[in-house]
Amino acid sequence: MSDATGPGHVSQHHRATLEHIEHHPTTHNLEWDDVIGLLNEVADVREEHDGKFVVKLGDDRITITKPRHKNVDEQLVLDLRKLFKDAGYLPTKK
């Protein structure tokens, strides 16, 4: 977990992952390793005994499951988009 807060402290590689999460229509080629790397940089990530990951970012917490394939599914991208918007890492619609 990073002790830095806010989107200004995201590395360039992880900034690209954030752009993929923000992209409309939802991207279908976002890799799990990129997602979990980004989450580890900006959030508190804890792997549970059942293989699920509990992610706490700001005041929000979500539980996610590692996909069977290398790419995450559309629903996870939507969940992550909401998480990052609520935490101020992505712009919200006006």
Protein backbone atom coordinates (compact mmCIF):
# COMPACT_ATOMS: atom_id res chain seq x y z
CA MET A 1 0.00 0.00 0.00
CA SER A 2 1.21 3.49 -0.75
CA ASP A 3 1.19 6.19 1.87
CA ALA A 4 0.74 8.81 -0.85
CA THR A 5 -2.75 10.11 -1.40
CA GLY A 6 -4.43 11.50 -4.46
CA PRO A 7 -4.03 10.91 -8.16
CA GLY A 8 -0.91 13.04 -8.45
CA HIS A 9 1.07 10.25 -6.80
CA VAL A 10 0.29 7.54 -9.37
CA SER A 11 3.19 6.30 -11.49
CA GLN A 12 3.03 6.79 -15.26
CA HIS A 13 2.39 3.07 -15.89
CA HIS A 14 -0.50 3.02 -13.41
CA ARG A 15 -1.82 6.31 -14.79
CA ALA A 16 -2.28 4.48 -18.13
CA THR A 17 -4.25 1.77 -16.32
CA LEU A 18 -6.48 4.47 -14.79
CA GLU A 19 -7.09 5.85 -18.29
CA HIS A 20 -8.18 2.39 -19.46
CA ILE A 21 -10.57 2.15 -16.50
CA GLU A 22 -12.02 5.58 -17.32
CA HIS A 23 -12.36 4.90 -21.08
CA HIS A 24 -15.86 4.65 -22.59
CA PRO A 25 -16.94 2.25 -23.92
CA THR A 26 -15.46 -0.07 -21.34
CA THR A 27 -12.20 -1.62 -22.40
CA HIS A 28 -12.02 -5.41 -22.74
CA ASN A 29 -8.26 -5.74 -22.68
CA LEU A 30 -7.36 -4.57 -19.20
CA GLU A 31 -5.03 -7.04 -17.55
CA TRP A 32 -5.39 -8.24 -13.96
CA ASP A 33 -1.69 -7.66 -13.22
CA ASP A 34 -2.05 -3.99 -14.20
CA VAL A 35 -5.20 -3.59 -12.10
CA ILE A 36 -3.80 -5.23 -8.97
CA GLY A 37 -0.54 -3.28 -9.39
CA LEU A 38 -2.46 0.00 -9.50
CA LEU A 39 -4.58 -0.99 -6.52
CA ASN A 40 -1.49 -1.96 -4.51
CA GLU A 41 0.01 1.46 -5.25
CA VAL A 42 -2.97 3.58 -4.17
CA ALA A 43 -5.18 1.45 -1.92
CA ASP A 44 -5.09 -0.92 1.02
CA VAL A 45 -5.34 -4.38 -0.59
CA ARG A 46 -5.72 -7.52 1.49
CA GLU A 47 -5.93 -11.02 0.04
CA GLU A 48 -8.37 -13.21 1.94
CA HIS A 49 -7.98 -16.95 2.60
CA ASP A 50 -10.57 -17.68 -0.12
CA GLY A 51 -8.49 -15.90 -2.79
CA LYS A 52 -10.65 -12.79 -2.91
CA PHE A 53 -9.14 -9.35 -2.51
CA VAL A 54 -10.59 -6.71 -0.21
CA VAL A 55 -9.71 -3.25 -1.50
CA LYS A 56 -10.13 -0.12 0.62
CA LEU A 57 -9.68 3.22 -1.10
CA GLY A 58 -10.81 6.34 0.68
CA ASP A 59 -14.10 5.62 2.43
CA ASP A 60 -15.07 2.82 0.03
CA ARG A 61 -14.34 -0.87 0.18
CA ILE A 62 -14.92 -3.50 -2.52
CA THR A 63 -14.21 -7.20 -2.74
CA ILE A 64 -12.88 -8.49 -6.02
CA THR A 65 -11.91 -11.88 -7.38
CA LYS A 66 -8.92 -12.58 -9.60
CA PRO A 67 -10.20 -13.56 -13.06
CA ARG A 68 -9.44 -16.97 -14.54
CA HIS A 69 -7.89 -15.32 -17.59
CA LYS A 70 -5.42 -12.43 -17.77
CA ASN A 71 -8.07 -9.77 -18.53
CA VAL A 72 -10.64 -8.43 -16.09
CA ASP A 73 -14.32 -8.46 -17.00
CA GLU A 74 -16.51 -5.48 -17.80
CA GLN A 75 -18.29 -5.49 -14.43
CA LEU A 76 -15.00 -5.24 -12.54
CA VAL A 77 -13.97 -2.30 -14.75
CA LEU A 78 -17.26 -0.57 -13.91
CA ASP A 79 -16.79 -1.26 -10.18
CA LEU A 80 -13.23 0.07 -10.31
CA ARG A 81 -14.35 3.16 -12.24
CA LYS A 82 -16.82 3.98 -9.47
CA LEU A 83 -14.23 3.31 -6.76
CA PHE A 84 -11.67 5.61 -8.40
CA LYS A 85 -14.23 8.33 -9.13
CA ASP A 86 -15.44 8.31 -5.53
CA ALA A 87 -11.83 8.55 -4.31
CA GLY A 88 -11.03 11.48 -6.64
CA TYR A 89 -8.71 9.62 -9.00
CA LEU A 90 -11.08 10.04 -11.96
CA PRO A 91 -13.26 13.02 -12.84
CA THR A 92 -16.94 12.78 -12.02
CA LYS A 93 -19.63 13.81 -14.48
CA LYS A 94 -21.11 17.22 -13.93
